[in-house]
C-alpha atoms as a PDB file:
ATOM      1  CA  MET A   1       0.186   0.057  -0.103  1.00  0.00           C
ATOM      2  CA  GLY A   2       2.748   2.374   0.887  1.00  0.00           C
ATOM      3  CA  ARG A   3       4.695   1.933  -2.245  1.00  0.00           C
ATOM      4  CA  VAL A   4       1.332   2.575  -4.696  1.00  0.00           C
ATOM      5  CA  LEU A   5       0.867   5.832  -2.702  1.00  0.00           C
ATOM      6  CA  MET A   6       4.870   7.125  -3.276  1.00  0.00           C
ATOM      7  CA  GLN A   7       4.549   6.310  -6.423  1.00  0.00           C
ATOM      8  CA  TYR A   8       1.280   8.280  -6.745  1.00  0.00           C
ATOM      9  CA  LEU A   9       2.825  11.497  -5.140  1.00  0.00           C
ATOM     10  CA  ALA A  10       6.028  11.035  -7.493  1.00  0.00           C
ATOM     11  CA  MET A  11       6.265  14.236  -9.600  1.00  0.00           C
ATOM     12  CA  LYS A  12       6.687  13.374 -13.006  1.00  0.00           C
ATOM     13  CA  THR A  13       9.320  16.087 -14.585  1.00  0.00           C
ATOM     14  CA  ASP A  14       8.954  16.790 -18.237  1.00  0.00           C
ATOM     15  CA  PRO A  15      12.393  17.848 -19.751  1.00  0.00           C
ATOM     16  CA  VAL A  16      11.007  20.076 -22.172  1.00  0.00           C
ATOM     17  CA  MET A  17       8.956  21.826 -19.410  1.00  0.00           C
ATOM     18  CA  ALA A  18      12.006  22.172 -17.352  1.00  0.00           C
ATOM     19  CA  SER A  19      13.873  23.546 -20.369  1.00  0.00           C
ATOM     20  CA  LEU A  20      10.857  26.149 -21.150  1.00  0.00           C
ATOM     21  CA  ILE A  21      10.899  27.392 -17.279  1.00  0.00           C
ATOM     22  CA  ASP A  22      14.442  27.724 -16.964  1.00  0.00           C
ATOM     23  CA  SER A  23      14.635  29.846 -19.990  1.00  0.00           C
ATOM     24  CA  ASP A  24      11.861  32.050 -19.059  1.00  0.00           C
ATOM     25  CA  ILE A  25      13.958  32.635 -15.447  1.00  0.00           C
ATOM     26  CA  LYS A  26      17.326  33.348 -17.470  1.00  0.00           C
ATOM     27  CA  GLU A  27      15.009  36.352 -19.240  1.00  0.00           C
ATOM     28  CA  LEU A  28      13.694  37.409 -16.163  1.00  0.00           C
ATOM     29  CA  LYS A  29      17.286  37.838 -14.873  1.00  0.00           C
ATOM     30  CA  ILE A  30      18.309  39.507 -17.806  1.00  0.00           C
ATOM     31  CA  ALA A  31      15.275  41.945 -17.823  1.00  0.00           C
ATOM     32  CA  ALA A  32      15.766  42.913 -14.033  1.00  0.00           C
ATOM     33  CA  THR A  33      19.741  43.455 -14.670  1.00  0.00           C
ATOM     34  CA  LYS A  34      18.690  45.696 -17.387  1.00  0.00           C
ATOM     35  CA  LEU A  35      16.112  47.415 -15.459  1.00  0.00           C
ATOM     36  CA  PHE A  36      18.621  48.024 -12.979  1.00  0.00           C
ATOM     37  CA  LYS A  37      20.931  49.165 -15.154  1.00  0.00           C
ATOM     38  CA  ASP A  38      18.832  51.448 -16.880  1.00  0.00           C
ATOM     39  CA  ALA A  39      17.542  52.965 -13.445  1.00  0.00           C
ATOM     40  CA  THR A  40      21.081  53.763 -12.051  1.00  0.00           C
ATOM     41  CA  MET A  41      21.770  55.495 -15.163  1.00  0.00           C
ATOM     42  CA  LEU A  42      18.846  57.853 -14.791  1.00  0.00           C
ATOM     43  CA  GLY A  43      20.310  58.639 -11.268  1.00  0.00           C
ATOM     44  CA  GLY A  44      18.899  61.123  -8.934  1.00  0.00           C
ATOM     45  CA  ILE A  45      17.866  60.373  -5.074  1.00  0.00           C
ATOM     46  CA  GLY A  46      14.402  60.767  -5.791  1.00  0.00           C
ATOM     47  CA  PHE A  47      13.773  58.128  -8.599  1.00  0.00           C
ATOM     48  CA  GLY A  48      16.003  56.003  -6.392  1.00  0.00           C
ATOM     49  CA  THR A  49      13.881  56.219  -3.572  1.00  0.00           C
ATOM     50  CA  SER A  50      10.652  56.006  -5.611  1.00  0.00           C
ATOM     51  CA  PHE A  51      11.917  52.983  -7.512  1.00  0.00           C
ATOM     52  CA  LEU A  52      12.913  51.033  -4.072  1.00  0.00           C
ATOM     53  CA  LYS A  53       9.757  52.024  -2.987  1.00  0.00           C
ATOM     54  CA  TRP A  54       7.961  50.209  -6.047  1.00  0.00           C
ATOM     55  CA  ILE A  55       9.920  47.199  -5.127  1.00  0.00           C
ATOM     56  CA  ALA A  56       8.885  47.103  -1.538  1.00  0.00           C
ATOM     57  CA  SER A  57       5.666  47.421  -2.798  1.00  0.00           C
ATOM     58  CA  PHE A  58       5.579  44.828  -5.576  1.00  0.00           C
ATOM     59  CA  ALA A  59       7.504  42.485  -3.128  1.00  0.00           C
ATOM     60  CA  ALA A  60       4.849  42.683  -0.129  1.00  0.00           C
ATOM     61  CA  MET A  61       2.214  41.908  -2.523  1.00  0.00           C
END
């Protein structure tokens, strides 16, 4: 009985789906670094503060 339950709960991973998720995560990292680079280029204390507030509110959601 225990073995049947463990086989039922075992998660089957699809290599295609895993590679798609991996590529999406890589794209998100690239987008985040570009956003941070562009935000630092704009400079200014006011923009940096509002940007950090936006990130904090997004993280709180």
